[in-house]
């Protein structure tokens, strides 16, 4: 008899976990996270998971308690004799620290990969890593989902006449190029120079945007400074309209204010991280269906290739 699938969640994004469990056809498993008066916490499974396929849905966005919760959930599942433990991490935090870009700094994403493996995870399912090569930091299988599977149908329904894709920085070029290739559309690049983290010194547009309907694509939006500055610059260069699509809405600092005051027609995001507040320009698309299918295919030992629609270019 095939082991049962049980889906649990921590405190980082229970709303998304509930949607994933519902789309899969299960309710969420019974778990409580006991809190002590000093802030210490303890995850406790309230049902047997012996021999089961256990999926733990938890983004590792700030604060770092979310990461610690996940590690302890994995450890508890291992000690409860779970048959196979998969960490479902819609947003993989610390992914921007994927290399030594200056002396005497940590490679935090490698450290997190080590921690997840040491805690007892057998597999990771995540989405839109800041750098795809982070998969190589793991010595366990990683299923790396792509948000273009849900962004592309949305963009198609917009039926924009002069569609052109834009990368808000050089680092997002490959991601944007793949989506542009699907639409057989042109792309431009906004090249930025930073003074320091979260502060842009200058930006230039590489390519022609006059009278074009621009779609900006990025994986992480933190303060929204880069994205809104790019949108404003594109409009100054003659763009007809500018929209932005971003997978992970970190949205810290003055992000909501920057978005609301920008020239963006709309800002389309995924629900990998819950919003802290609402905005008239922000539209949320759920990744629940994508993760539910990935969980089912993993449990049934089926391929997840059909989830990557961006690889099937229109003829």
Foldseek 3Di string as FASTA:
>chain_A
DAAAEAEEEDDFFVPLSQLLCVLLPHGHFDWDWAADPVGDIAIDGPDQQAQHEYEYEFACFPDNVRLVVQLRVLLNCVVSRHNAYEYEHAHHPLLVLCDPPDPPDDSVLLVSLVSNVVSPHQEYEYEDRLDVCSCVSHPHYYHYFYCCLVVVVVVVVVVFDQEEEEELEPSCVVVRVLQCQQVVHHYKYWHFDAPDPPHTDDIDIGDQQAQHEYEYEDAEDACCPSVLVSQQVSVVRHHPAYAYEYEYYNHDDNNQVSVQPGRHQAYEYEVSGPDPDDHPRYDYDYCSNVVSVVVVCVSVVHDSVVSCCSVPHDD
